[in-house]
N, C-alpha and C. Protein backbone atom coordinates (compact mmCIF):
# COMPACT_ATOMS: atom_id res chain seq x y z
N MET A 1 -23.82 42.82 13.34
CA MET A 1 -23.43 44.16 13.00
C MET A 1 -24.41 44.76 12.00
N VAL A 2 -25.11 43.95 11.24
CA VAL A 2 -26.06 44.47 10.26
C VAL A 2 -27.29 44.96 11.02
N LYS A 3 -27.44 46.27 11.12
CA LYS A 3 -28.54 46.86 11.87
C LYS A 3 -29.73 47.14 10.95
N THR A 4 -29.55 48.03 9.99
CA THR A 4 -30.58 48.33 9.00
C THR A 4 -29.88 48.42 7.66
N SER A 5 -30.63 48.29 6.60
CA SER A 5 -30.02 48.34 5.28
C SER A 5 -31.04 48.85 4.28
N THR A 6 -30.57 49.00 3.05
CA THR A 6 -31.51 49.34 2.00
C THR A 6 -32.44 48.15 1.83
N ARG A 7 -33.64 48.40 1.42
CA ARG A 7 -34.62 47.32 1.27
C ARG A 7 -34.43 46.55 -0.03
N LYS A 8 -33.75 47.15 -0.97
CA LYS A 8 -33.58 46.55 -2.28
C LYS A 8 -32.22 45.85 -2.37
N LYS A 9 -32.24 44.62 -2.87
CA LYS A 9 -30.98 43.94 -3.13
C LYS A 9 -30.27 44.67 -4.26
N LEU A 10 -28.95 44.74 -4.14
CA LEU A 10 -28.14 45.43 -5.13
C LEU A 10 -27.04 44.51 -5.64
N THR A 11 -26.56 44.80 -6.83
CA THR A 11 -25.33 44.17 -7.29
C THR A 11 -24.18 45.03 -6.78
N LEU A 12 -22.97 44.51 -6.83
CA LEU A 12 -21.81 45.29 -6.42
C LEU A 12 -21.70 46.55 -7.27
N GLU A 13 -21.95 46.42 -8.56
CA GLU A 13 -21.86 47.57 -9.46
C GLU A 13 -22.88 48.64 -9.08
N GLU A 14 -24.10 48.24 -8.74
CA GLU A 14 -25.12 49.20 -8.32
C GLU A 14 -24.72 49.87 -7.01
N PHE A 15 -24.16 49.09 -6.09
CA PHE A 15 -23.70 49.66 -4.82
C PHE A 15 -22.61 50.70 -5.07
N LEU A 16 -21.63 50.35 -5.88
CA LEU A 16 -20.51 51.27 -6.13
C LEU A 16 -20.96 52.53 -6.88
N ALA A 17 -22.09 52.46 -7.56
CA ALA A 17 -22.61 53.62 -8.29
C ALA A 17 -23.51 54.51 -7.44
N LEU A 18 -23.79 54.11 -6.20
CA LEU A 18 -24.63 54.94 -5.34
C LEU A 18 -23.98 56.31 -5.14
N PRO A 19 -24.78 57.37 -5.08
CA PRO A 19 -24.20 58.70 -4.87
C PRO A 19 -23.60 58.82 -3.47
N GLU A 20 -22.54 59.63 -3.37
CA GLU A 20 -21.95 59.89 -2.06
C GLU A 20 -22.91 60.76 -1.28
N GLY A 21 -22.93 60.57 0.03
CA GLY A 21 -23.82 61.36 0.87
C GLY A 21 -23.27 61.48 2.27
N ASP A 22 -24.13 61.85 3.18
CA ASP A 22 -23.72 62.05 4.57
C ASP A 22 -23.54 60.74 5.32
N VAL A 23 -24.10 59.64 4.80
CA VAL A 23 -24.02 58.34 5.46
C VAL A 23 -23.12 57.43 4.63
N ASN A 24 -22.17 56.75 5.31
CA ASN A 24 -21.34 55.76 4.64
C ASN A 24 -22.01 54.41 4.74
N TYR A 25 -21.90 53.64 3.66
CA TYR A 25 -22.51 52.32 3.60
C TYR A 25 -21.44 51.28 3.31
N GLU A 26 -21.69 50.06 3.80
CA GLU A 26 -20.91 48.89 3.41
C GLU A 26 -21.83 47.99 2.60
N PHE A 27 -21.24 47.20 1.73
CA PHE A 27 -22.01 46.27 0.90
C PHE A 27 -21.90 44.89 1.54
N VAL A 28 -23.02 44.41 2.13
CA VAL A 28 -23.03 43.14 2.85
C VAL A 28 -24.24 42.33 2.42
N ASP A 29 -24.00 41.12 1.95
CA ASP A 29 -25.08 40.21 1.55
C ASP A 29 -26.05 40.86 0.56
N SER A 30 -25.51 41.61 -0.39
CA SER A 30 -26.26 42.27 -1.47
C SER A 30 -27.09 43.47 -1.02
N TYR A 31 -26.80 44.01 0.16
CA TYR A 31 -27.51 45.19 0.65
C TYR A 31 -26.52 46.28 1.03
N ALA A 32 -26.94 47.53 0.90
CA ALA A 32 -26.18 48.67 1.39
C ALA A 32 -26.55 48.86 2.86
N VAL A 33 -25.57 48.63 3.73
CA VAL A 33 -25.79 48.69 5.18
C VAL A 33 -25.09 49.93 5.72
N PRO A 34 -25.84 50.83 6.38
CA PRO A 34 -25.19 52.05 6.89
C PRO A 34 -24.22 51.75 8.02
N LYS A 35 -23.09 52.47 8.01
CA LYS A 35 -22.13 52.37 9.10
C LYS A 35 -22.62 53.21 10.26
N VAL A 36 -22.14 52.87 11.44
CA VAL A 36 -22.47 53.63 12.64
C VAL A 36 -21.86 55.03 12.53
N SER A 37 -22.61 56.04 12.93
CA SER A 37 -22.10 57.41 12.94
C SER A 37 -21.08 57.56 14.07
N PRO A 38 -19.82 57.90 13.74
CA PRO A 38 -18.78 57.95 14.77
C PRO A 38 -18.98 59.10 15.76
N LYS A 39 -18.61 58.82 17.00
CA LYS A 39 -18.62 59.83 18.06
C LYS A 39 -17.18 60.33 18.24
N PHE A 40 -16.96 61.16 19.24
CA PHE A 40 -15.67 61.82 19.42
C PHE A 40 -14.50 60.86 19.56
N PHE A 41 -14.59 59.86 20.46
CA PHE A 41 -13.46 58.94 20.67
C PHE A 41 -13.08 58.25 19.36
N HIS A 42 -14.09 57.75 18.68
CA HIS A 42 -13.88 57.06 17.41
C HIS A 42 -13.20 58.00 16.40
N SER A 43 -13.75 59.18 16.27
CA SER A 43 -13.25 60.14 15.29
C SER A 43 -11.81 60.55 15.56
N THR A 44 -11.50 60.87 16.80
CA THR A 44 -10.15 61.33 17.12
C THR A 44 -9.13 60.20 17.03
N LEU A 45 -9.53 58.99 17.40
CA LEU A 45 -8.62 57.85 17.24
C LEU A 45 -8.35 57.55 15.77
N GLN A 46 -9.38 57.65 14.94
CA GLN A 46 -9.22 57.41 13.51
C GLN A 46 -8.26 58.44 12.91
N LEU A 47 -8.43 59.70 13.27
CA LEU A 47 -7.55 60.75 12.76
C LEU A 47 -6.12 60.53 13.25
N THR A 48 -5.94 60.26 14.53
CA THR A 48 -4.61 60.07 15.10
C THR A 48 -3.89 58.89 14.45
N LEU A 49 -4.57 57.74 14.38
CA LEU A 49 -3.94 56.57 13.75
C LEU A 49 -3.63 56.84 12.28
N GLY A 50 -4.54 57.51 11.59
CA GLY A 50 -4.31 57.84 10.19
C GLY A 50 -3.06 58.69 10.01
N LEU A 51 -2.89 59.69 10.86
CA LEU A 51 -1.71 60.56 10.77
C LEU A 51 -0.43 59.80 11.11
N LEU A 52 -0.47 58.98 12.16
CA LEU A 52 0.71 58.19 12.53
C LEU A 52 1.10 57.22 11.41
N LEU A 53 0.11 56.55 10.84
CA LEU A 53 0.39 55.59 9.77
C LEU A 53 0.84 56.29 8.49
N ARG A 54 0.25 57.43 8.19
CA ARG A 54 0.63 58.17 6.98
C ARG A 54 2.09 58.61 7.06
N THR A 55 2.51 59.07 8.22
CA THR A 55 3.92 59.46 8.40
C THR A 55 4.83 58.25 8.19
N TRP A 56 4.44 57.11 8.76
CA TRP A 56 5.26 55.89 8.63
C TRP A 56 5.32 55.39 7.19
N CYS A 57 4.21 55.45 6.46
CA CYS A 57 4.14 54.76 5.16
C CYS A 57 4.63 55.59 3.97
N GLN A 58 5.15 56.78 4.19
CA GLN A 58 5.64 57.59 3.08
C GLN A 58 6.62 56.78 2.22
N GLY A 59 6.32 56.67 0.94
CA GLY A 59 7.16 55.93 0.01
C GLY A 59 6.92 54.43 0.00
N LYS A 60 6.07 53.93 0.93
CA LYS A 60 5.81 52.49 1.03
C LYS A 60 4.44 52.10 0.51
N GLY A 61 3.48 53.02 0.69
CA GLY A 61 2.10 52.69 0.33
C GLY A 61 1.18 53.84 0.68
N ARG A 62 -0.09 53.53 0.78
CA ARG A 62 -1.07 54.58 1.06
C ARG A 62 -2.01 54.18 2.19
N ILE A 63 -2.53 55.20 2.85
CA ILE A 63 -3.51 55.04 3.92
C ILE A 63 -4.84 55.55 3.38
N GLY A 64 -5.89 54.79 3.60
CA GLY A 64 -7.22 55.24 3.22
C GLY A 64 -8.10 55.31 4.46
N SER A 65 -8.93 56.33 4.51
CA SER A 65 -9.88 56.49 5.60
C SER A 65 -11.28 56.32 5.02
N GLU A 66 -12.04 55.38 5.59
CA GLU A 66 -13.41 55.13 5.09
C GLU A 66 -13.41 54.82 3.59
N TRP A 67 -12.45 53.99 3.16
CA TRP A 67 -12.28 53.64 1.76
C TRP A 67 -12.81 52.22 1.54
N ALA A 68 -13.83 52.08 0.71
CA ALA A 68 -14.41 50.76 0.42
C ALA A 68 -13.36 49.85 -0.22
N ILE A 69 -13.45 48.57 0.10
CA ILE A 69 -12.56 47.56 -0.47
C ILE A 69 -13.44 46.52 -1.16
N ILE A 70 -13.10 46.16 -2.37
CA ILE A 70 -13.86 45.12 -3.09
C ILE A 70 -13.26 43.77 -2.73
N LEU A 71 -14.06 42.97 -2.01
CA LEU A 71 -13.63 41.65 -1.55
C LEU A 71 -14.74 40.64 -1.79
N LYS A 72 -14.48 39.41 -1.39
CA LYS A 72 -15.50 38.35 -1.41
C LYS A 72 -15.70 37.88 0.02
N ARG A 73 -16.94 37.61 0.38
CA ARG A 73 -17.29 37.09 1.70
C ARG A 73 -18.26 35.94 1.49
N GLN A 74 -17.89 34.76 1.92
CA GLN A 74 -18.72 33.57 1.75
C GLN A 74 -19.17 33.41 0.30
N GLY A 75 -18.24 33.68 -0.63
CA GLY A 75 -18.50 33.51 -2.06
C GLY A 75 -19.30 34.64 -2.71
N GLN A 76 -19.67 35.65 -1.94
CA GLN A 76 -20.45 36.77 -2.49
C GLN A 76 -19.62 38.04 -2.48
N ASP A 77 -19.98 38.97 -3.39
CA ASP A 77 -19.33 40.27 -3.38
C ASP A 77 -19.54 40.93 -2.02
N TRP A 78 -18.49 41.60 -1.56
CA TRP A 78 -18.52 42.26 -0.25
C TRP A 78 -17.69 43.52 -0.38
N ALA A 79 -18.19 44.63 0.08
CA ALA A 79 -17.44 45.90 0.05
C ALA A 79 -17.50 46.56 1.43
N PRO A 80 -16.65 46.08 2.35
CA PRO A 80 -16.60 46.73 3.66
C PRO A 80 -15.91 48.09 3.53
N VAL A 81 -16.14 48.93 4.50
CA VAL A 81 -15.53 50.25 4.55
C VAL A 81 -14.85 50.40 5.91
N PRO A 82 -13.63 49.88 6.03
CA PRO A 82 -12.94 49.97 7.32
C PRO A 82 -12.63 51.42 7.68
N ASP A 83 -12.42 51.66 8.95
CA ASP A 83 -12.08 53.01 9.39
C ASP A 83 -10.77 53.47 8.77
N LEU A 84 -9.78 52.58 8.71
CA LEU A 84 -8.50 52.89 8.07
C LEU A 84 -8.00 51.66 7.31
N THR A 85 -7.28 51.92 6.26
CA THR A 85 -6.71 50.87 5.42
C THR A 85 -5.28 51.25 5.07
N TYR A 86 -4.37 50.28 5.16
CA TYR A 86 -3.02 50.48 4.62
C TYR A 86 -2.82 49.46 3.51
N ILE A 87 -2.38 49.97 2.35
CA ILE A 87 -2.07 49.07 1.24
C ILE A 87 -0.74 49.52 0.63
N SER A 88 0.17 48.56 0.48
CA SER A 88 1.50 48.88 -0.03
C SER A 88 1.45 49.13 -1.53
N TYR A 89 2.48 49.83 -2.00
CA TYR A 89 2.61 50.04 -3.45
C TYR A 89 2.91 48.73 -4.17
N LYS A 90 3.35 47.72 -3.42
CA LYS A 90 3.58 46.40 -4.03
C LYS A 90 2.23 45.79 -4.43
N ARG A 91 1.22 45.95 -3.60
CA ARG A 91 -0.11 45.41 -3.90
C ARG A 91 -0.93 46.30 -4.83
N LEU A 92 -0.79 47.60 -4.65
CA LEU A 92 -1.52 48.56 -5.47
C LEU A 92 -0.53 49.65 -5.84
N PRO A 93 0.04 49.56 -7.05
CA PRO A 93 1.14 50.45 -7.44
C PRO A 93 0.83 51.94 -7.26
N LYS A 94 1.88 52.68 -7.01
CA LYS A 94 1.77 54.12 -6.79
C LYS A 94 1.10 54.82 -7.96
N VAL A 95 1.26 54.30 -9.16
CA VAL A 95 0.66 54.93 -10.35
C VAL A 95 -0.86 54.77 -10.40
N TRP A 96 -1.43 53.87 -9.58
CA TRP A 96 -2.88 53.69 -9.54
C TRP A 96 -3.49 54.92 -8.87
N LYS A 97 -4.26 55.67 -9.63
CA LYS A 97 -4.90 56.89 -9.10
C LYS A 97 -6.30 56.98 -9.68
N ARG A 98 -7.21 56.28 -9.05
CA ARG A 98 -8.61 56.28 -9.50
C ARG A 98 -9.51 56.60 -8.31
N ASN A 99 -10.56 57.30 -8.56
CA ASN A 99 -11.51 57.64 -7.50
C ASN A 99 -12.56 56.54 -7.41
N GLU A 100 -12.12 55.40 -6.91
CA GLU A 100 -13.01 54.25 -6.80
C GLU A 100 -12.59 53.37 -5.63
N ALA A 101 -13.35 52.34 -5.38
CA ALA A 101 -13.06 51.41 -4.28
C ALA A 101 -11.72 50.73 -4.50
N CYS A 102 -11.09 50.35 -3.40
CA CYS A 102 -9.82 49.63 -3.46
C CYS A 102 -10.06 48.28 -4.13
N PRO A 103 -9.34 47.99 -5.21
CA PRO A 103 -9.63 46.77 -5.98
C PRO A 103 -8.95 45.49 -5.49
N VAL A 104 -8.07 45.60 -4.48
CA VAL A 104 -7.34 44.42 -3.99
C VAL A 104 -7.31 44.43 -2.46
N PRO A 105 -7.15 43.26 -1.85
CA PRO A 105 -7.09 43.22 -0.38
C PRO A 105 -5.85 43.96 0.14
N PRO A 106 -6.03 44.82 1.13
CA PRO A 106 -4.89 45.55 1.70
C PRO A 106 -4.12 44.70 2.71
N GLU A 107 -2.96 45.19 3.09
CA GLU A 107 -2.20 44.53 4.15
C GLU A 107 -2.89 44.68 5.50
N LEU A 108 -3.43 45.88 5.76
CA LEU A 108 -3.95 46.19 7.10
C LEU A 108 -5.28 46.92 7.00
N VAL A 109 -6.25 46.47 7.80
CA VAL A 109 -7.46 47.25 8.04
C VAL A 109 -7.55 47.50 9.53
N ILE A 110 -8.05 48.68 9.87
CA ILE A 110 -8.25 49.05 11.27
C ILE A 110 -9.72 49.40 11.45
N GLU A 111 -10.31 48.78 12.44
CA GLU A 111 -11.71 49.06 12.80
C GLU A 111 -11.71 49.59 14.23
N ILE A 112 -12.47 50.64 14.47
CA ILE A 112 -12.59 51.23 15.79
C ILE A 112 -14.00 50.98 16.29
N ILE A 113 -14.10 50.40 17.47
CA ILE A 113 -15.40 50.05 18.03
C ILE A 113 -16.12 51.31 18.50
N SER A 114 -17.36 51.46 18.07
CA SER A 114 -18.21 52.54 18.57
C SER A 114 -19.01 52.02 19.76
N SER A 115 -19.62 52.93 20.51
CA SER A 115 -20.24 52.57 21.78
C SER A 115 -21.37 51.55 21.65
N ASP A 116 -22.04 51.47 20.52
CA ASP A 116 -23.13 50.50 20.39
C ASP A 116 -22.71 49.24 19.63
N GLN A 117 -21.41 49.02 19.52
CA GLN A 117 -20.88 47.84 18.84
C GLN A 117 -20.13 46.98 19.85
N THR A 118 -19.88 45.71 19.48
CA THR A 118 -19.18 44.80 20.39
C THR A 118 -17.91 44.27 19.75
N ILE A 119 -16.98 43.85 20.61
CA ILE A 119 -15.75 43.24 20.13
C ILE A 119 -16.06 41.98 19.33
N LYS A 120 -17.08 41.23 19.72
CA LYS A 120 -17.46 40.00 19.03
C LYS A 120 -17.83 40.28 17.57
N GLU A 121 -18.58 41.36 17.34
CA GLU A 121 -18.94 41.73 15.97
C GLU A 121 -17.69 41.92 15.11
N PHE A 122 -16.69 42.59 15.69
CA PHE A 122 -15.48 42.87 14.94
C PHE A 122 -14.56 41.66 14.82
N GLU A 123 -14.60 40.77 15.80
CA GLU A 123 -13.84 39.52 15.68
C GLU A 123 -14.39 38.70 14.52
N ASP A 124 -15.71 38.65 14.39
CA ASP A 124 -16.32 37.95 13.25
C ASP A 124 -15.92 38.61 11.93
N LYS A 125 -15.94 39.93 11.93
CA LYS A 125 -15.58 40.67 10.71
C LYS A 125 -14.10 40.45 10.38
N ALA A 126 -13.25 40.35 11.41
CA ALA A 126 -11.82 40.09 11.20
C ALA A 126 -11.64 38.75 10.47
N ARG A 127 -12.40 37.75 10.87
CA ARG A 127 -12.33 36.44 10.19
C ARG A 127 -12.69 36.59 8.70
N ASP A 128 -13.74 37.36 8.44
CA ASP A 128 -14.15 37.59 7.05
C ASP A 128 -13.03 38.31 6.28
N TYR A 129 -12.40 39.29 6.90
CA TYR A 129 -11.29 39.99 6.24
C TYR A 129 -10.17 39.02 5.89
N PHE A 130 -9.80 38.14 6.82
CA PHE A 130 -8.72 37.19 6.55
C PHE A 130 -9.09 36.23 5.42
N HIS A 131 -10.30 35.72 5.45
CA HIS A 131 -10.74 34.81 4.38
C HIS A 131 -10.76 35.50 3.03
N ALA A 132 -10.86 36.83 3.03
CA ALA A 132 -10.89 37.60 1.78
C ALA A 132 -9.50 38.06 1.34
N GLY A 133 -8.46 37.75 2.12
CA GLY A 133 -7.10 38.07 1.70
C GLY A 133 -6.42 39.23 2.40
N VAL A 134 -7.07 39.85 3.38
CA VAL A 134 -6.44 40.91 4.16
C VAL A 134 -5.39 40.26 5.07
N SER A 135 -4.24 40.90 5.22
CA SER A 135 -3.13 40.30 5.98
C SER A 135 -3.17 40.56 7.48
N ARG A 136 -3.63 41.75 7.90
CA ARG A 136 -3.68 42.09 9.32
C ARG A 136 -4.96 42.86 9.60
N VAL A 137 -5.48 42.69 10.81
CA VAL A 137 -6.64 43.45 11.27
C VAL A 137 -6.34 43.95 12.67
N TRP A 138 -6.57 45.25 12.88
CA TRP A 138 -6.48 45.84 14.20
C TRP A 138 -7.87 46.26 14.61
N ILE A 139 -8.25 45.94 15.84
CA ILE A 139 -9.51 46.39 16.41
C ILE A 139 -9.17 47.27 17.61
N VAL A 140 -9.56 48.54 17.49
CA VAL A 140 -9.28 49.51 18.54
C VAL A 140 -10.52 49.62 19.42
N ASP A 141 -10.32 49.44 20.72
CA ASP A 141 -11.43 49.54 21.67
C ASP A 141 -11.21 50.77 22.55
N PRO A 142 -11.92 51.87 22.27
CA PRO A 142 -11.73 53.10 23.04
C PRO A 142 -12.12 52.98 24.51
N GLU A 143 -13.09 52.14 24.82
CA GLU A 143 -13.52 52.00 26.21
C GLU A 143 -12.51 51.20 27.03
N ALA A 144 -11.99 50.13 26.46
CA ALA A 144 -11.01 49.29 27.17
C ALA A 144 -9.59 49.84 27.05
N ILE A 145 -9.38 50.79 26.15
CA ILE A 145 -8.07 51.37 25.84
C ILE A 145 -7.10 50.26 25.43
N THR A 146 -7.51 49.52 24.40
CA THR A 146 -6.70 48.42 23.87
C THR A 146 -6.73 48.44 22.34
N ILE A 147 -5.75 47.75 21.77
CA ILE A 147 -5.74 47.45 20.34
C ILE A 147 -5.51 45.96 20.22
N LYS A 148 -6.47 45.26 19.62
CA LYS A 148 -6.35 43.82 19.40
C LYS A 148 -5.85 43.63 17.97
N VAL A 149 -4.69 42.99 17.86
CA VAL A 149 -4.06 42.76 16.55
C VAL A 149 -4.27 41.31 16.16
N PHE A 150 -4.85 41.13 14.99
CA PHE A 150 -5.03 39.80 14.40
C PHE A 150 -3.92 39.61 13.37
N VAL A 151 -3.03 38.66 13.65
CA VAL A 151 -2.00 38.28 12.69
C VAL A 151 -2.56 37.20 11.76
N SER A 152 -3.52 36.44 12.29
CA SER A 152 -4.29 35.46 11.54
C SER A 152 -5.59 35.26 12.31
N VAL A 153 -6.45 34.39 11.82
CA VAL A 153 -7.70 34.13 12.52
C VAL A 153 -7.43 33.58 13.91
N GLU A 154 -6.41 32.72 14.04
CA GLU A 154 -6.12 32.09 15.31
C GLU A 154 -5.10 32.84 16.16
N ASP A 155 -4.28 33.67 15.54
CA ASP A 155 -3.17 34.33 16.24
C ASP A 155 -3.51 35.80 16.49
N THR A 156 -3.87 36.10 17.75
CA THR A 156 -4.21 37.47 18.12
C THR A 156 -3.44 37.89 19.36
N GLN A 157 -3.29 39.18 19.52
CA GLN A 157 -2.62 39.73 20.70
C GLN A 157 -3.35 41.02 21.08
N VAL A 158 -3.68 41.16 22.34
CA VAL A 158 -4.29 42.39 22.83
C VAL A 158 -3.17 43.25 23.41
N TYR A 159 -3.03 44.46 22.88
CA TYR A 159 -2.00 45.39 23.32
C TYR A 159 -2.62 46.43 24.25
N THR A 160 -1.88 46.74 25.31
CA THR A 160 -2.31 47.76 26.27
C THR A 160 -1.11 48.64 26.60
N ASP A 161 -1.38 49.79 27.12
CA ASP A 161 -0.41 50.72 27.68
C ASP A 161 0.83 50.88 26.79
N ASN A 162 2.00 50.49 27.29
CA ASN A 162 3.26 50.73 26.57
C ASN A 162 3.80 49.51 25.83
N MET A 163 2.97 48.49 25.63
CA MET A 163 3.42 47.33 24.85
C MET A 163 3.61 47.76 23.40
N PRO A 164 4.82 47.60 22.83
CA PRO A 164 5.03 48.03 21.45
C PRO A 164 4.33 47.11 20.44
N ILE A 165 3.62 47.72 19.53
CA ILE A 165 3.01 46.98 18.42
C ILE A 165 4.02 47.01 17.29
N VAL A 166 4.65 45.86 17.04
CA VAL A 166 5.68 45.73 16.02
C VAL A 166 5.29 44.53 15.16
N ASP A 167 5.46 44.66 13.85
CA ASP A 167 5.03 43.61 12.94
C ASP A 167 5.96 43.57 11.73
N THR A 168 6.47 42.40 11.39
CA THR A 168 7.36 42.28 10.23
C THR A 168 6.66 42.67 8.93
N LEU A 169 5.34 42.57 8.89
CA LEU A 169 4.59 42.99 7.70
C LEU A 169 4.61 44.50 7.53
N LEU A 170 4.84 45.22 8.63
CA LEU A 170 4.84 46.69 8.64
C LEU A 170 6.19 47.18 9.16
N PRO A 171 7.27 46.93 8.39
CA PRO A 171 8.62 47.22 8.90
C PRO A 171 8.81 48.70 9.22
N GLY A 172 9.40 48.93 10.39
CA GLY A 172 9.69 50.30 10.81
C GLY A 172 8.56 50.95 11.60
N LEU A 173 7.39 50.34 11.62
CA LEU A 173 6.28 50.88 12.39
C LEU A 173 6.34 50.34 13.80
N GLU A 174 6.36 51.24 14.77
CA GLU A 174 6.29 50.84 16.16
C GLU A 174 5.43 51.86 16.90
N LEU A 175 4.31 51.38 17.39
CA LEU A 175 3.37 52.21 18.14
C LEU A 175 3.05 51.53 19.45
N THR A 176 2.57 52.32 20.40
CA THR A 176 2.01 51.75 21.62
C THR A 176 0.59 52.29 21.77
N VAL A 177 -0.21 51.58 22.51
CA VAL A 177 -1.58 52.02 22.77
C VAL A 177 -1.54 53.36 23.50
N ARG A 178 -0.66 53.49 24.48
CA ARG A 178 -0.53 54.75 25.22
C ARG A 178 -0.22 55.91 24.26
N GLN A 179 0.73 55.70 23.36
CA GLN A 179 1.10 56.73 22.39
C GLN A 179 -0.12 57.16 21.57
N VAL A 180 -0.88 56.20 21.05
CA VAL A 180 -2.03 56.51 20.22
C VAL A 180 -3.08 57.27 21.02
N PHE A 181 -3.40 56.78 22.20
CA PHE A 181 -4.46 57.42 23.00
C PHE A 181 -4.00 58.77 23.55
N GLU A 182 -2.72 58.92 23.87
CA GLU A 182 -2.24 60.23 24.32
C GLU A 182 -2.25 61.24 23.18
N GLU A 183 -1.81 60.83 21.99
CA GLU A 183 -1.83 61.74 20.85
C GLU A 183 -3.25 62.10 20.44
N ALA A 184 -4.19 61.21 20.74
CA ALA A 184 -5.60 61.50 20.48
C ALA A 184 -6.22 62.33 21.62
N GLU A 185 -5.40 62.63 22.62
CA GLU A 185 -5.81 63.39 23.81
C GLU A 185 -6.96 62.72 24.55
N LEU A 186 -6.89 61.39 24.64
CA LEU A 186 -7.88 60.61 25.37
C LEU A 186 -7.32 60.06 26.67
N LEU A 187 -6.06 60.30 26.94
CA LEU A 187 -5.43 59.92 28.22
C LEU A 187 -4.86 61.16 28.87
């Protein structure tokens, strides 16, 4: 997944101090690595899932879009920027209001595959998320019209069409792939 990056090694603090710009970066192996520029399917799915999750999580937690998370990967600082993040108020209290990276692992990260990325890249990234303390990972594949849910590194389920995505970690949330893709006007 690492395509190009800054040429200079950075510390996590230097990465987090980089100015905001038109390109989003993730912090991987001490380098600022640019994220893929999203196309229409990616963008509309991210917006749709964000709105659906925001409605569900009122009073329970917060949804972040393109919000960096401070984690560890293979013993090194790592700051991925998932497409969407859900973190409960239990993990990050409602009173926390800072304009900075998420300081703790969230319950859920959602990654949406862009046309020049592969499911394998995201399966590897899902393993890294779990080792860093993230509880669930969803990988949305716009071409296959699926959502692959990782409950753990070994326990995954690919959801299609009207199969309900239900999870005890996310009580009261019930979505289907068809619902998400129809609301995104992709079906």
